[in-house]
Amino acid sequence: MPWHRQPGVDRERGSVAQDGGDPSVSPPATGPVLELRNVTRSYPGDPPVEALRGVSLSIRSGELVALAGPSGSGKSTLLHVMGTLDRPTAGSVWVVGHDTTRLRDGQVSGLRARTIGFVFQQFFLLEALTALDNVANGLLYAGTPLRMRRSAAEAALSRVGLEHRLHHRPTQLSGGEQQRVAIARAIVGRPAIVLADEPTGNLDSVAGAAILELLLDLNRTDGATIAVITHDHDLAAAFPRQVWIRDGTIERDNAEVAA
């Protein structure tokens, strides 16, 4: 089944509303799904802290990218800016052909809900909810009816190998299983791009290797566009495209070398 089509979660296609309403969008037929153009992010201080300094980055549909660098390199800031969780001080962030710097906060939130999936190191699952409902919650802000949310959530959990854990709560799952639930939540709406922040950081080597293989398979089999933020050189080395970050700038991008 194509990545952008899933029963129960297809959405009306259109352009971003300019009146503050939630945008309903689809990935462009051509061009990047996510693009940063000369992005700077600074924070007040004496002197000011420049977390990102003129970063330009383009990710196309179907790419599998590792954004790697040491602690303090600007990776976390880059993740927040790429995911529209934070706005750049200067420059622009384009998501599926829309310049988010020109959108109001409500429009950006709607665009994010429909086009970006997140996976975090800490899982961020609600302990009172089952795996099924944790994943179904990934479609809350897309306005999908409850029955459709749960149907899509069951399909997503099956895709990550947890069809036998639908009604288990996070405390009844291993760390690797919890991360699979988090990945299912990220992909349930078939977003244009999944951003994964240190997805193996809280796991042992065996569970971490399984999560890596799952991400590779989602890209290889389903065509999912995935960008992983990591400080782990071995994890980054498993990805076909590697972007190395240091001191708030892109130090090396092997896609540019290949070109």
C-alpha atoms as a PDB file:
ATOM      1  CA  MET A   1       0.000   0.000   0.000  1.00  0.00           C
ATOM      2  CA  PRO A   2       1.499   3.418  -0.946  1.00  0.00           C
ATOM      3  CA  TRP A   3       2.808   5.393   1.982  1.00  0.00           C
ATOM      4  CA  HIS A   4       0.437   8.333   1.502  1.00  0.00           C
ATOM      5  CA  ARG A   5      -2.723   6.212   1.431  1.00  0.00           C
ATOM      6  CA  GLN A   6      -4.211   4.359   4.381  1.00  0.00           C
ATOM      7  CA  PRO A   7      -7.860   3.428   5.008  1.00  0.00           C
ATOM      8  CA  GLY A   8      -9.564   5.778   7.432  1.00  0.00           C
ATOM      9  CA  VAL A   9      -6.958   8.522   7.459  1.00  0.00           C
ATOM     10  CA  ASP A  10      -6.981   9.949   3.908  1.00  0.00           C
ATOM     11  CA  ARG A  11      -7.639  13.649   4.025  1.00  0.00           C
ATOM     12  CA  GLU A  12      -9.073  16.247   1.715  1.00  0.00           C
ATOM     13  CA  ARG A  13      -6.252  17.706  -0.335  1.00  0.00           C
ATOM     14  CA  GLY A  14      -5.869  21.448  -0.688  1.00  0.00           C
ATOM     15  CA  SER A  15      -3.761  24.476   0.049  1.00  0.00           C
ATOM     16  CA  VAL A  16      -2.933  26.099   3.351  1.00  0.00           C
ATOM     17  CA  ALA A  17      -5.697  28.353   4.575  1.00  0.00           C
ATOM     18  CA  GLN A  18      -4.533  31.895   5.119  1.00  0.00           C
ATOM     19  CA  ASP A  19      -7.068  32.830   7.797  1.00  0.00           C
ATOM     20  CA  GLY A  20      -5.518  30.930  10.686  1.00  0.00           C
ATOM     21  CA  GLY A  21      -7.368  27.677  10.044  1.00  0.00           C
ATOM     22  CA  ASP A  22      -5.606  24.328   9.992  1.00  0.00           C
ATOM     23  CA  PRO A  23      -3.996  23.616   6.624  1.00  0.00           C
ATOM     24  CA  SER A  24      -4.865  20.404   4.794  1.00  0.00           C
ATOM     25  CA  VAL A  25      -1.932  19.550   2.603  1.00  0.00           C
ATOM     26  CA  SER A  26      -0.240  16.779   0.695  1.00  0.00           C
ATOM     27  CA  PRO A  27       3.410  16.291  -0.233  1.00  0.00           C
ATOM     28  CA  PRO A  28       4.373  18.043  -3.457  1.00  0.00           C
ATOM     29  CA  ALA A  29       4.653  15.940  -6.601  1.00  0.00           C
ATOM     30  CA  THR A  30       8.208  17.195  -6.968  1.00  0.00           C
ATOM     31  CA  GLY A  31      10.624  18.965  -4.688  1.00  0.00           C
ATOM     32  CA  PRO A  32      11.622  18.339  -1.076  1.00  0.00           C
ATOM     33  CA  VAL A  33       9.217  17.346   1.683  1.00  0.00           C
ATOM     34  CA  LEU A  34      11.290  19.402   4.105  1.00  0.00           C
ATOM     35  CA  GLU A  35      13.752  22.201   3.390  1.00  0.00           C
ATOM     36  CA  LEU A  36      15.740  24.635   5.520  1.00  0.00           C
ATOM     37  CA  ARG A  37      17.032  27.730   3.771  1.00  0.00           C
ATOM     38  CA  ASN A  38      19.880  29.568   5.494  1.00  0.00           C
ATOM     39  CA  VAL A  39      18.361  28.964   8.934  1.00  0.00           C
ATOM     40  CA  THR A  40      19.758  30.653  12.014  1.00  0.00           C
ATOM     41  CA  ARG A  41      18.561  30.088  15.576  1.00  0.00           C
ATOM     42  CA  SER A  42      19.982  32.200  18.353  1.00  0.00           C
ATOM     43  CA  TYR A  43      19.071  32.603  22.008  1.00  0.00           C
ATOM     44  CA  PRO A  44      19.453  35.705  24.193  1.00  0.00           C
ATOM     45  CA  GLY A  45      22.579  35.949  26.291  1.00  0.00           C
ATOM     46  CA  ASP A  46      25.786  37.886  26.731  1.00  0.00           C
ATOM     47  CA  PRO A  47      26.946  37.048  24.173  1.00  0.00           C
ATOM     48  CA  PRO A  48      23.927  35.493  22.392  1.00  0.00           C
ATOM     49  CA  VAL A  49      24.072  31.741  21.813  1.00  0.00           C
ATOM     50  CA  GLU A  50      23.975  30.789  18.131  1.00  0.00           C
ATOM     51  CA  ALA A  51      22.666  27.223  18.112  1.00  0.00           C
ATOM     52  CA  LEU A  52      22.246  27.132  14.323  1.00  0.00           C
ATOM     53  CA  ARG A  53      24.264  29.243  11.930  1.00  0.00           C
ATOM     54  CA  GLY A  54      23.088  29.463   8.344  1.00  0.00           C
ATOM     55  CA  VAL A  55      21.913  25.869   7.937  1.00  0.00           C
ATOM     56  CA  SER A  56      20.536  24.852   4.543  1.00  0.00           C
ATOM     57  CA  LEU A  57      19.201  21.321   4.175  1.00  0.00           C
ATOM     58  CA  SER A  58      16.827  19.589   1.777  1.00  0.00           C
ATOM     59  CA  ILE A  59      15.165  16.183   2.309  1.00  0.00           C
ATOM     60  CA  ARG A  60      13.196  14.571  -0.511  1.00  0.00           C
ATOM     61  CA  SER A  61      10.394  12.032  -0.362  1.00  0.00           C
ATOM     62  CA  GLY A  62      11.652   8.507   0.304  1.00  0.00           C
ATOM     63  CA  GLU A  63      15.018   9.542   1.741  1.00  0.00           C
ATOM     64  CA  LEU A  64      16.545   7.919   4.806  1.00  0.00           C
ATOM     65  CA  VAL A  65      18.835  10.402   6.522  1.00  0.00           C
ATOM     66  CA  ALA A  66      20.982  10.414   9.658  1.00  0.00           C
ATOM     67  CA  LEU A  67      21.657  13.846  11.165  1.00  0.00           C
ATOM     68  CA  ALA A  68      24.656  13.187  13.363  1.00  0.00           C
ATOM     69  CA  GLY A  69      26.960  15.127  15.619  1.00  0.00           C
ATOM     70  CA  PRO A  70      28.374  15.351  19.142  1.00  0.00           C
ATOM     71  CA  SER A  71      26.561  16.782  22.154  1.00  0.00           C
ATOM     72  CA  GLY A  72      26.238  20.550  21.842  1.00  0.00           C
ATOM     73  CA  SER A  73      26.485  20.494  18.056  1.00  0.00           C
ATOM     74  CA  GLY A  74      22.984  21.916  17.541  1.00  0.00           C
ATOM     75  CA  LYS A  75      21.190  18.641  16.754  1.00  0.00           C
ATOM     76  CA  SER A  76      18.335  19.166  19.214  1.00  0.00           C
ATOM     77  CA  THR A  77      17.749  22.711  18.017  1.00  0.00           C
ATOM     78  CA  LEU A  78      17.804  21.474  14.440  1.00  0.00           C
ATOM     79  CA  LEU A  79      15.196  18.829  15.274  1.00  0.00           C
ATOM     80  CA  HIS A  80      12.891  21.403  16.851  1.00  0.00           C
ATOM     81  CA  VAL A  81      13.237  23.781  13.919  1.00  0.00           C
ATOM     82  CA  MET A  82      12.772  21.024  11.325  1.00  0.00           C
ATOM     83  CA  GLY A  83       9.705  19.785  13.184  1.00  0.00           C
ATOM     84  CA  THR A  84       8.245  23.326  13.412  1.00  0.00           C
ATOM     85  CA  LEU A  85       8.277  23.048  17.215  1.00  0.00           C
ATOM     86  CA  ASP A  86      10.490  26.150  17.247  1.00  0.00           C
ATOM     87  CA  ARG A  87      10.752  29.002  14.769  1.00  0.00           C
ATOM     88  CA  PRO A  88      14.059  30.111  13.294  1.00  0.00           C
ATOM     89  CA  THR A  89      15.552  33.477  14.166  1.00  0.00           C
ATOM     90  CA  ALA A  90      16.299  33.988  10.464  1.00  0.00           C
ATOM     91  CA  GLY A  91      15.883  31.973   7.288  1.00  0.00           C
ATOM     92  CA  SER A  92      12.917  29.817   6.325  1.00  0.00           C
ATOM     93  CA  VAL A  93      11.596  26.294   6.920  1.00  0.00           C
ATOM     94  CA  TRP A  94       9.529  24.737   4.134  1.00  0.00           C
ATOM     95  CA  VAL A  95       7.311  21.697   4.784  1.00  0.00           C
ATOM     96  CA  VAL A  96       5.655  19.977   1.794  1.00  0.00           C
ATOM     97  CA  GLY A  97       6.023  23.151  -0.226  1.00  0.00           C
ATOM     98  CA  HIS A  98       4.760  25.568   2.434  1.00  0.00           C
ATOM     99  CA  ASP A  99       6.917  28.301   3.955  1.00  0.00           C
ATOM    100  CA  THR A 100       6.129  27.871   7.655  1.00  0.00           C
ATOM    101  CA  THR A 101       7.668  31.234   8.535  1.00  0.00           C
ATOM    102  CA  ARG A 102       4.746  32.864   6.726  1.00  0.00           C
ATOM    103  CA  LEU A 103       2.098  30.890   8.603  1.00  0.00           C
ATOM    104  CA  ARG A 104       0.344  31.693  11.856  1.00  0.00           C
ATOM    105  CA  ASP A 105       0.865  29.438  14.857  1.00  0.00           C
ATOM    106  CA  GLY A 106      -2.455  27.631  14.345  1.00  0.00           C
ATOM    107  CA  GLN A 107      -1.661  26.981  10.708  1.00  0.00           C
ATOM    108  CA  VAL A 108       1.776  25.629  11.589  1.00  0.00           C
ATOM    109  CA  SER A 109       0.227  23.314  14.197  1.00  0.00           C
ATOM    110  CA  GLY A 110      -2.232  21.964  11.626  1.00  0.00           C
ATOM    111  CA  LEU A 111       0.495  21.454   9.053  1.00  0.00           C
ATOM    112  CA  ARG A 112       2.660  19.653  11.623  1.00  0.00           C
ATOM    113  CA  ALA A 113      -0.187  17.347  12.697  1.00  0.00           C
ATOM    114  CA  ARG A 114      -0.765  16.222   9.122  1.00  0.00           C
ATOM    115  CA  THR A 115       2.744  15.981   7.736  1.00  0.00           C
ATOM    116  CA  ILE A 116       5.312  15.268  10.487  1.00  0.00           C
ATOM    117  CA  GLY A 117       5.604  12.229  12.744  1.00  0.00           C
ATOM    118  CA  PHE A 118       7.853  12.272  15.820  1.00  0.00           C
ATOM    119  CA  VAL A 119       9.725   9.522  17.644  1.00  0.00           C
ATOM    120  CA  PHE A 120      11.593  10.437  20.822  1.00  0.00           C
ATOM    121  CA  GLN A 121      14.172   8.698  22.968  1.00  0.00           C
ATOM    122  CA  GLN A 122      11.864   8.811  26.020  1.00  0.00           C
ATOM    123  CA  PHE A 123       8.845   7.214  24.190  1.00  0.00           C
ATOM    124  CA  PHE A 124       6.315   9.674  25.752  1.00  0.00           C
ATOM    125  CA  LEU A 125       3.540   7.109  26.039  1.00  0.00           C
ATOM    126  CA  LEU A 126       0.559   7.694  28.338  1.00  0.00           C
ATOM    127  CA  GLU A 127       0.687   4.992  31.010  1.00  0.00           C
ATOM    128  CA  ALA A 128      -3.072   4.923  31.551  1.00  0.00           C
ATOM    129  CA  LEU A 129      -3.747   4.072  27.906  1.00  0.00           C
ATOM    130  CA  THR A 130      -3.293   0.860  25.980  1.00  0.00           C
ATOM    131  CA  ALA A 131      -0.878   0.629  23.073  1.00  0.00           C
ATOM    132  CA  LEU A 132      -3.874   0.875  20.733  1.00  0.00           C
ATOM    133  CA  ASP A 133      -5.124   4.126  22.230  1.00  0.00           C
ATOM    134  CA  ASN A 134      -1.633   5.620  22.517  1.00  0.00           C
ATOM    135  CA  VAL A 135      -1.241   5.144  18.777  1.00  0.00           C
ATOM    136  CA  ALA A 136      -4.792   6.275  17.997  1.00  0.00           C
ATOM    137  CA  ASN A 137      -4.003   9.525  19.816  1.00  0.00           C
ATOM    138  CA  GLY A 138      -1.534  10.241  17.025  1.00  0.00           C
ATOM    139  CA  LEU A 139      -4.549  11.117  14.854  1.00  0.00           C
ATOM    140  CA  LEU A 140      -6.393  13.293  17.377  1.00  0.00           C
ATOM    141  CA  TYR A 141      -5.270  16.601  15.904  1.00  0.00           C
ATOM    142  CA  ALA A 142      -6.014  15.448  12.362  1.00  0.00           C
ATOM    143  CA  GLY A 143      -9.728  15.307  13.195  1.00  0.00           C
ATOM    144  CA  THR A 144     -10.090  11.586  12.415  1.00  0.00           C
ATOM    145  CA  PRO A 145     -13.171   9.918  14.018  1.00  0.00           C
ATOM    146  CA  LEU A 146     -12.501   7.523  16.909  1.00  0.00           C
ATOM    147  CA  ARG A 147     -13.412   4.313  15.071  1.00  0.00           C
ATOM    148  CA  MET A 148     -11.140   5.227  12.177  1.00  0.00           C
ATOM    149  CA  ARG A 149      -8.351   6.224  14.581  1.00  0.00           C
ATOM    150  CA  ARG A 150      -8.451   2.840  16.268  1.00  0.00           C
ATOM    151  CA  SER A 151      -8.624   0.960  12.968  1.00  0.00           C
ATOM    152  CA  ALA A 152      -5.602   2.857  11.658  1.00  0.00           C
ATOM    153  CA  ALA A 153      -3.808   2.356  15.001  1.00  0.00           C
ATOM    154  CA  GLU A 154      -4.347  -1.409  14.864  1.00  0.00           C
ATOM    155  CA  ALA A 155      -2.892  -1.491  11.333  1.00  0.00           C
ATOM    156  CA  ALA A 156       0.122   0.588  12.425  1.00  0.00           C
ATOM    157  CA  LEU A 157       0.807  -1.632  15.440  1.00  0.00           C
ATOM    158  CA  SER A 158       0.594  -4.683  13.224  1.00  0.00           C
ATOM    159  CA  ARG A 159       3.090  -3.052  10.860  1.00  0.00           C
ATOM    160  CA  VAL A 160       5.641  -2.719  13.686  1.00  0.00           C
ATOM    161  CA  GLY A 161       5.058  -6.286  14.882  1.00  0.00           C
ATOM    162  CA  LEU A 162       2.846  -5.597  17.917  1.00  0.00           C
ATOM    163  CA  GLU A 163      -0.517  -6.973  16.801  1.00  0.00           C
ATOM    164  CA  HIS A 164      -0.395  -9.206  19.893  1.00  0.00           C
ATOM    165  CA  ARG A 165       0.102  -6.229  22.260  1.00  0.00           C
ATOM    166  CA  LEU A 166      -2.814  -3.985  21.286  1.00  0.00           C
ATOM    167  CA  HIS A 167      -4.373  -3.900  24.749  1.00  0.00           C
ATOM    168  CA  HIS A 168      -1.209  -3.816  26.845  1.00  0.00           C
ATOM    169  CA  ARG A 169      -0.246  -0.655  28.711  1.00  0.00           C
ATOM    170  CA  PRO A 170       3.283   0.789  28.557  1.00  0.00           C
ATOM    171  CA  THR A 171       4.245  -0.679  31.946  1.00  0.00           C
ATOM    172  CA  GLN A 172       3.470  -4.141  30.534  1.00  0.00           C
ATOM    173  CA  LEU A 173       5.822  -3.658  27.573  1.00  0.00           C
ATOM    174  CA  SER A 174       9.581  -3.868  27.228  1.00  0.00           C
ATOM    175  CA  GLY A 175      11.592  -0.808  26.236  1.00  0.00           C
ATOM    176  CA  GLY A 176      11.877  -2.042  22.667  1.00  0.00           C
ATOM    177  CA  GLU A 177       8.131  -2.663  22.495  1.00  0.00           C
ATOM    178  CA  GLN A 178       7.400   0.802  23.883  1.00  0.00           C
ATOM    179  CA  GLN A 179       9.564   2.329  21.171  1.00  0.00           C
ATOM    180  CA  ARG A 180       7.692   0.290  18.558  1.00  0.00           C
ATOM    181  CA  VAL A 181       4.441   1.747  19.897  1.00  0.00           C
ATOM    182  CA  ALA A 182       5.974   5.217  19.595  1.00  0.00           C
ATOM    183  CA  ILE A 183       6.995   4.475  16.000  1.00  0.00           C
ATOM    184  CA  ALA A 184       3.487   3.190  15.220  1.00  0.00           C
ATOM    185  CA  ARG A 185       2.087   6.445  16.640  1.00  0.00           C
ATOM    186  CA  ALA A 186       4.454   8.426  14.414  1.00  0.00           C
ATOM    187  CA  ILE A 187       3.508   6.579  11.211  1.00  0.00           C
ATOM    188  CA  VAL A 188      -0.213   6.031  11.826  1.00  0.00           C
ATOM    189  CA  GLY A 189      -1.192   9.073   9.755  1.00  0.00           C
ATOM    190  CA  ARG A 190       1.393   8.292   7.051  1.00  0.00           C
ATOM    191  CA  PRO A 191       3.142  11.645   7.419  1.00  0.00           C
ATOM    192  CA  ALA A 192       5.360  13.213   4.778  1.00  0.00           C
ATOM    193  CA  ILE A 193       8.368  12.757   7.074  1.00  0.00           C
ATOM    194  CA  VAL A 194       9.198  11.052  10.378  1.00  0.00           C
ATOM    195  CA  LEU A 195      11.719  12.754  12.671  1.00  0.00           C
ATOM    196  CA  ALA A 196      13.304  10.357  15.161  1.00  0.00           C
ATOM    197  CA  ASP A 197      15.396  11.783  18.014  1.00  0.00           C
ATOM    198  CA  GLU A 198      17.900   9.215  19.335  1.00  0.00           C
ATOM    199  CA  PRO A 199      15.341   6.400  18.840  1.00  0.00           C
ATOM    200  CA  THR A 200      17.715   3.731  20.186  1.00  0.00           C
ATOM    201  CA  GLY A 201      19.216   5.840  22.986  1.00  0.00           C
ATOM    202  CA  ASN A 202      17.231   4.240  25.840  1.00  0.00           C
ATOM    203  CA  LEU A 203      17.521   0.666  24.558  1.00  0.00           C
ATOM    204  CA  ASP A 204      20.027  -2.146  24.929  1.00  0.00           C
ATOM    205  CA  SER A 205      22.022  -3.177  21.882  1.00  0.00           C
ATOM    206  CA  VAL A 206      19.666  -5.982  20.829  1.00  0.00           C
ATOM    207  CA  ALA A 207      16.498  -3.879  21.085  1.00  0.00           C
ATOM    208  CA  GLY A 208      18.309  -0.953  19.470  1.00  0.00           C
ATOM    209  CA  ALA A 209      19.355  -3.076  16.504  1.00  0.00           C
ATOM    210  CA  ALA A 210      15.754  -4.242  16.078  1.00  0.00           C
ATOM    211  CA  ILE A 211      14.474  -0.653  16.072  1.00  0.00           C
ATOM    212  CA  LEU A 212      17.106   0.313  13.498  1.00  0.00           C
ATOM    213  CA  GLU A 213      16.044  -2.586  11.271  1.00  0.00           C
ATOM    214  CA  LEU A 214      12.390  -1.537  11.625  1.00  0.00           C
ATOM    215  CA  LEU A 215      13.185   2.016  10.498  1.00  0.00           C
ATOM    216  CA  LEU A 216      15.199   0.710   7.554  1.00  0.00           C
ATOM    217  CA  ASP A 217      12.340  -1.615   6.609  1.00  0.00           C
ATOM    218  CA  LEU A 218       9.718   1.155   6.829  1.00  0.00           C
ATOM    219  CA  ASN A 219      11.800   3.118   4.351  1.00  0.00           C
ATOM    220  CA  ARG A 220      12.667   0.156   2.129  1.00  0.00           C
ATOM    221  CA  THR A 221       9.215  -1.468   2.032  1.00  0.00           C
ATOM    222  CA  ASP A 222       6.773   1.401   2.616  1.00  0.00           C
ATOM    223  CA  GLY A 223       8.801   4.287   1.205  1.00  0.00           C
ATOM    224  CA  ALA A 224       8.674   6.229   4.475  1.00  0.00           C
ATOM    225  CA  THR A 225      10.800   9.379   4.591  1.00  0.00           C
ATOM    226  CA  ILE A 226      12.790   9.250   7.835  1.00  0.00           C
ATOM    227  CA  ALA A 227      15.361  11.554   9.401  1.00  0.00           C
ATOM    228  CA  VAL A 228      17.117  10.276  12.536  1.00  0.00           C
ATOM    229  CA  ILE A 229      18.963  12.619  14.876  1.00  0.00           C
ATOM    230  CA  THR A 230      21.798  10.845  16.688  1.00  0.00           C
ATOM    231  CA  HIS A 231      25.244  11.133  18.227  1.00  0.00           C
ATOM    232  CA  ASP A 232      25.864   7.420  17.572  1.00  0.00           C
ATOM    233  CA  HIS A 233      28.356   6.998  14.722  1.00  0.00           C
ATOM    234  CA  ASP A 234      27.462   3.323  14.247  1.00  0.00           C
ATOM    235  CA  LEU A 235      23.765   4.149  13.928  1.00  0.00           C
ATOM    236  CA  ALA A 236      24.485   6.955  11.465  1.00  0.00           C
ATOM    237  CA  ALA A 237      26.689   4.663   9.393  1.00  0.00           C
ATOM    238  CA  ALA A 238      23.678   2.407   8.700  1.00  0.00           C
ATOM    239  CA  PHE A 239      21.917   5.185   6.788  1.00  0.00           C
ATOM    240  CA  PRO A 240      22.512   5.875   3.090  1.00  0.00           C
ATOM    241  CA  ARG A 241      22.642   9.632   3.630  1.00  0.00           C
ATOM    242  CA  GLN A 242      24.621  11.094   6.521  1.00  0.00           C
ATOM    243  CA  VAL A 243      24.632  14.770   7.462  1.00  0.00           C
ATOM    244  CA  TRP A 244      27.262  15.689  10.044  1.00  0.00           C
ATOM    245  CA  ILE A 245      26.650  18.713  12.273  1.00  0.00           C
ATOM    246  CA  ARG A 246      29.160  20.624  14.348  1.00  0.00           C
ATOM    247  CA  ASP A 247      28.948  24.006  16.098  1.00  0.00           C
ATOM    248  CA  GLY A 248      25.569  24.778  14.575  1.00  0.00           C
ATOM    249  CA  THR A 249      26.607  24.240  10.958  1.00  0.00           C
ATOM    250  CA  ILE A 250      26.561  21.359   8.507  1.00  0.00           C
ATOM    251  CA  GLU A 251      30.105  20.067   8.430  1.00  0.00           C
ATOM    252  CA  ARG A 252      29.545  17.346   5.823  1.00  0.00           C
ATOM    253  CA  ASP A 253      26.685  15.901   3.776  1.00  0.00           C
ATOM    254  CA  ASN A 254      27.501  12.770   1.819  1.00  0.00           C
ATOM    255  CA  ALA A 255      24.608  13.475  -0.571  1.00  0.00           C
ATOM    256  CA  GLU A 256      26.517  16.541  -1.768  1.00  0.00           C
ATOM    257  CA  VAL A 257      29.702  14.485  -2.103  1.00  0.00           C
ATOM    258  CA  ALA A 258      27.854  11.885  -4.171  1.00  0.00           C
ATOM    259  CA  ALA A 259      26.383  14.618  -6.389  1.00  0.00           C
END
